C-alpha atoms as a PDB file:
ATOM      1  CA  MET A   1      54.283 -21.775 -57.768  1.00  0.00           C
ATOM      2  CA  PRO A   2      54.116 -19.908 -54.591  1.00  0.00           C
ATOM      3  CA  TYR A   3      54.436 -16.218 -55.886  1.00  0.00           C
ATOM      4  CA  ASP A   4      52.407 -14.662 -58.649  1.00  0.00           C
ATOM      5  CA  PHE A   5      51.362 -11.425 -60.362  1.00  0.00           C
ATOM      6  CA  ILE A   6      47.989 -11.240 -62.039  1.00  0.00           C
ATOM      7  CA  LEU A   7      47.824  -8.824 -64.995  1.00  0.00           C
ATOM      8  CA  MET A   8      44.673  -7.570 -66.644  1.00  0.00           C
ATOM      9  CA  ARG A   9      43.788  -5.077 -69.448  1.00  0.00           C
ATOM     10  CA  LEU A  10      41.524  -2.713 -67.661  1.00  0.00           C
ATOM     11  CA  PRO A  11      39.756   0.368 -69.366  1.00  0.00           C
ATOM     12  CA  ARG A  12      41.810   3.476 -69.437  1.00  0.00           C
ATOM     13  CA  PRO A  13      40.606   7.045 -69.448  1.00  0.00           C
ATOM     14  CA  THR A  14      39.500   8.175 -72.932  1.00  0.00           C
ATOM     15  CA  GLN A  15      37.559  10.724 -74.855  1.00  0.00           C
ATOM     16  CA  PRO A  16      33.823  11.079 -73.963  1.00  0.00           C
ATOM     17  CA  GLY A  17      31.755   8.758 -76.104  1.00  0.00           C
ATOM     18  CA  LEU A  18      34.677   6.308 -76.639  1.00  0.00           C
ATOM     19  CA  GLU A  19      34.265   4.620 -73.246  1.00  0.00           C
ATOM     20  CA  PRO A  20      34.231   0.676 -73.210  1.00  0.00           C
ATOM     21  CA  LEU A  21      30.890  -0.978 -72.814  1.00  0.00           C
ATOM     22  CA  SER A  22      32.140  -2.623 -69.680  1.00  0.00           C
ATOM     23  CA  ASN A  23      34.419  -1.407 -66.851  1.00  0.00           C
ATOM     24  CA  GLY A  24      35.643  -4.870 -66.173  1.00  0.00           C
ATOM     25  CA  PRO A  25      38.648  -6.620 -67.794  1.00  0.00           C
ATOM     26  CA  GLN A  26      39.055  -6.157 -71.534  1.00  0.00           C
ATOM     27  CA  PRO A  27      39.986  -9.077 -73.838  1.00  0.00           C
ATOM     28  CA  ILE A  28      43.571  -9.637 -74.715  1.00  0.00           C
ATOM     29  CA  LEU A  29      44.102 -11.195 -78.130  1.00  0.00           C
ATOM     30  CA  ARG A  30      46.197 -14.373 -78.083  1.00  0.00           C
ATOM     31  CA  GLY A  31      47.981 -13.199 -81.271  1.00  0.00           C
ATOM     32  CA  GLN A  32      49.096 -10.006 -79.423  1.00  0.00           C
ATOM     33  CA  ILE A  33      50.279 -12.133 -76.491  1.00  0.00           C
ATOM     34  CA  THR A  34      52.296 -14.429 -78.662  1.00  0.00           C
ATOM     35  CA  GLN A  35      53.776 -11.440 -80.470  1.00  0.00           C
ATOM     36  CA  VAL A  36      54.915  -9.695 -77.329  1.00  0.00           C
ATOM     37  CA  LEU A  37      56.162 -12.769 -75.606  1.00  0.00           C
ATOM     38  CA  SER A  38      58.135 -13.891 -78.698  1.00  0.00           C
ATOM     39  CA  GLY A  39      59.956 -10.480 -78.534  1.00  0.00           C
ATOM     40  CA  LEU A  40      60.989 -10.842 -74.854  1.00  0.00           C
ATOM     41  CA  PRO A  41      64.587 -12.225 -74.391  1.00  0.00           C
ATOM     42  CA  GLY A  42      64.722 -15.493 -72.667  1.00  0.00           C
ATOM     43  CA  VAL A  43      60.964 -16.303 -72.806  1.00  0.00           C
ATOM     44  CA  GLN A  44      60.121 -19.710 -74.362  1.00  0.00           C
ATOM     45  CA  PRO A  45      56.953 -21.636 -74.866  1.00  0.00           C
ATOM     46  CA  SER A  46      56.724 -24.850 -72.793  1.00  0.00           C
ATOM     47  CA  ALA A  47      57.063 -28.179 -74.446  1.00  0.00           C
ATOM     48  CA  ASN A  48      53.261 -28.603 -74.710  1.00  0.00           C
ATOM     49  CA  GLY A  49      52.660 -24.896 -75.538  1.00  0.00           C
ATOM     50  CA  ALA A  50      50.290 -24.501 -72.562  1.00  0.00           C
ATOM     51  CA  TYR A  51      52.458 -21.710 -70.880  1.00  0.00           C
ATOM     52  CA  TYR A  52      55.683 -19.775 -71.233  1.00  0.00           C
ATOM     53  CA  THR A  53      58.858 -19.999 -69.199  1.00  0.00           C
ATOM     54  CA  ALA A  54      61.807 -17.784 -68.396  1.00  0.00           C
ATOM     55  CA  ASP A  55      64.928 -18.376 -66.333  1.00  0.00           C
ATOM     56  CA  PRO A  56      66.828 -15.204 -65.822  1.00  0.00           C
ATOM     57  CA  PRO A  57      70.440 -15.554 -64.779  1.00  0.00           C
ATOM     58  CA  GLY A  58      70.573 -16.036 -61.074  1.00  0.00           C
ATOM     59  CA  GLY A  59      66.839 -15.323 -60.902  1.00  0.00           C
ATOM     60  CA  PRO A  60      63.830 -17.572 -60.070  1.00  0.00           C
ATOM     61  CA  HIS A  61      62.112 -19.846 -62.512  1.00  0.00           C
ATOM     62  CA  ILE A  62      59.206 -17.874 -64.111  1.00  0.00           C
ATOM     63  CA  GLU A  63      56.132 -19.292 -65.701  1.00  0.00           C
ATOM     64  CA  ILE A  64      53.549 -17.189 -67.675  1.00  0.00           C
ATOM     65  CA  HIS A  65      50.116 -18.630 -67.827  1.00  0.00           C
ATOM     66  CA  LEU A  66      47.209 -17.370 -69.952  1.00  0.00           C
ATOM     67  CA  ASP A  67      43.564 -17.339 -68.956  1.00  0.00           C
ATOM     68  CA  PRO A  68      42.340 -20.727 -70.236  1.00  0.00           C
ATOM     69  CA  LYS A  69      39.076 -19.406 -71.600  1.00  0.00           C
ATOM     70  CA  ALA A  70      38.734 -18.667 -75.349  1.00  0.00           C
ATOM     71  CA  THR A  71      38.791 -14.922 -74.553  1.00  0.00           C
ATOM     72  CA  VAL A  72      41.795 -14.164 -72.495  1.00  0.00           C
ATOM     73  CA  GLU A  73      41.107 -11.747 -69.572  1.00  0.00           C
ATOM     74  CA  PHE A  74      44.193 -12.206 -67.500  1.00  0.00           C
ATOM     75  CA  VAL A  75      47.806 -13.362 -67.531  1.00  0.00           C
ATOM     76  CA  ALA A  76      49.408 -14.872 -64.481  1.00  0.00           C
ATOM     77  CA  VAL A  77      53.176 -14.522 -63.997  1.00  0.00           C
ATOM     78  CA  GLU A  78      54.387 -17.046 -61.405  1.00  0.00           C
ATOM     79  CA  PHE A  79      57.884 -17.508 -59.891  1.00  0.00           C
ATOM     80  CA  ASP A  80      59.217 -20.189 -57.628  1.00  0.00           C
ATOM     81  CA  ARG A  81      61.178 -18.282 -54.937  1.00  0.00           C
ATOM     82  CA  TYR A  82      61.357 -14.920 -53.248  1.00  0.00           C
ATOM     83  CA  ASP A  83      64.370 -15.372 -51.049  1.00  0.00           C
ATOM     84  CA  ALA A  84      65.688 -11.851 -51.866  1.00  0.00           C
ATOM     85  CA  GLN A  85      64.436  -8.605 -53.425  1.00  0.00           C
ATOM     86  CA  ALA A  86      66.528  -9.626 -56.498  1.00  0.00           C
ATOM     87  CA  ASP A  87      64.126 -12.590 -57.179  1.00  0.00           C
ATOM     88  CA  TYR A  88      61.115 -10.284 -57.083  1.00  0.00           C
ATOM     89  CA  THR A  89      63.050  -7.730 -59.331  1.00  0.00           C
ATOM     90  CA  ALA A  90      63.856 -10.450 -61.840  1.00  0.00           C
ATOM     91  CA  ALA A  91      60.178 -11.428 -62.008  1.00  0.00           C
ATOM     92  CA  ARG A  92      59.124  -7.769 -62.094  1.00  0.00           C
ATOM     93  CA  VAL A  93      61.276  -7.118 -65.218  1.00  0.00           C
ATOM     94  CA  VAL A  94      59.252  -9.735 -67.140  1.00  0.00           C
ATOM     95  CA  VAL A  95      55.938  -8.292 -65.810  1.00  0.00           C
ATOM     96  CA  ASP A  96      56.828  -4.739 -66.698  1.00  0.00           C
ATOM     97  CA  GLN A  97      57.699  -5.809 -70.279  1.00  0.00           C
ATOM     98  CA  LEU A  98      54.408  -7.627 -70.583  1.00  0.00           C
ATOM     99  CA  CYS A  99      52.458  -4.688 -69.131  1.00  0.00           C
ATOM    100  CA  GLU A 100      54.175  -2.242 -71.452  1.00  0.00           C
ATOM    101  CA  GLY A 101      53.776  -4.501 -74.619  1.00  0.00           C
ATOM    102  CA  LEU A 102      50.124  -5.345 -73.870  1.00  0.00           C
ATOM    103  CA  ARG A 103      48.831  -2.365 -71.981  1.00  0.00           C
ATOM    104  CA  LEU A 104      48.188  -4.469 -68.944  1.00  0.00           C
ATOM    105  CA  THR A 105      47.672  -3.426 -65.343  1.00  0.00           C
ATOM    106  CA  ILE A 106      49.063  -5.324 -62.286  1.00  0.00           C
ATOM    107  CA  THR A 107      46.001  -6.337 -60.234  1.00  0.00           C
ATOM    108  CA  ASP A 108      47.709  -8.652 -57.796  1.00  0.00           C
ATOM    109  CA  ASP A 109      51.372  -8.233 -56.679  1.00  0.00           C
ATOM    110  CA  PRO A 110      53.246 -10.501 -54.222  1.00  0.00           C
ATOM    111  CA  ASP A 111      55.262  -7.573 -52.812  1.00  0.00           C
ATOM    112  CA  ILE A 112      52.987  -5.812 -50.424  1.00  0.00           C
ATOM    113  CA  ALA A 113      55.520  -2.854 -50.206  1.00  0.00           C
ATOM    114  CA  SER A 114      54.871  -2.115 -53.934  1.00  0.00           C
ATOM    115  CA  LEU A 115      51.098  -1.486 -53.534  1.00  0.00           C
ATOM    116  CA  PRO A 116      49.803   2.017 -52.994  1.00  0.00           C
ATOM    117  CA  PRO A 117      48.349   2.458 -49.462  1.00  0.00           C
ATOM    118  CA  ASP A 118      44.733   2.457 -50.679  1.00  0.00           C
ATOM    119  CA  ASP A 119      45.373  -0.968 -52.383  1.00  0.00           C
ATOM    120  CA  GLU A 120      46.559  -2.942 -49.448  1.00  0.00           C
ATOM    121  CA  PRO A 121      44.875  -6.226 -48.489  1.00  0.00           C
ATOM    122  CA  GLY A 122      41.574  -5.928 -46.758  1.00  0.00           C
ATOM    123  CA  GLY A 123      40.367  -3.269 -49.105  1.00  0.00           C
ATOM    124  CA  GLY A 124      37.724  -5.321 -50.713  1.00  0.00           C
ATOM    125  CA  GLY A 125      39.942  -6.954 -53.423  1.00  0.00           C
ATOM    126  CA  LEU A 126      39.580  -6.670 -57.061  1.00  0.00           C
ATOM    127  CA  PHE A 127      36.276  -5.058 -58.119  1.00  0.00           C
ATOM    128  CA  GLY A 128      35.281  -4.816 -54.458  1.00  0.00           C
ATOM    129  CA  ARG A 129      35.019  -8.656 -53.894  1.00  0.00           C
END
């Protein structure tokens, strides 16, 4: 699909001595993902179980894909149209619910206006790449 959000669980500030071993993406347990997704209204697993879908009324078709590796490090939320801000907003509602339920951070957002100025394209990308 042409538009997507990438969500990752990144380390959050914590007490000294409790820092994670790595500053990179932290694993997201598949059981947690299933639990959160099953609680989101309108989100259904696909027929083959490879991804999840949502079709908000009047909004775009949304697909939620998990990192295919055994240890999930990212979730991609894709949507098929961005004709109006309402399409973005409908997808963003699902993204925000995922972020809240799984403590995820948006690392890639298709709406350039939603990014802070220091995060705009050309800034080296995720982890300076």
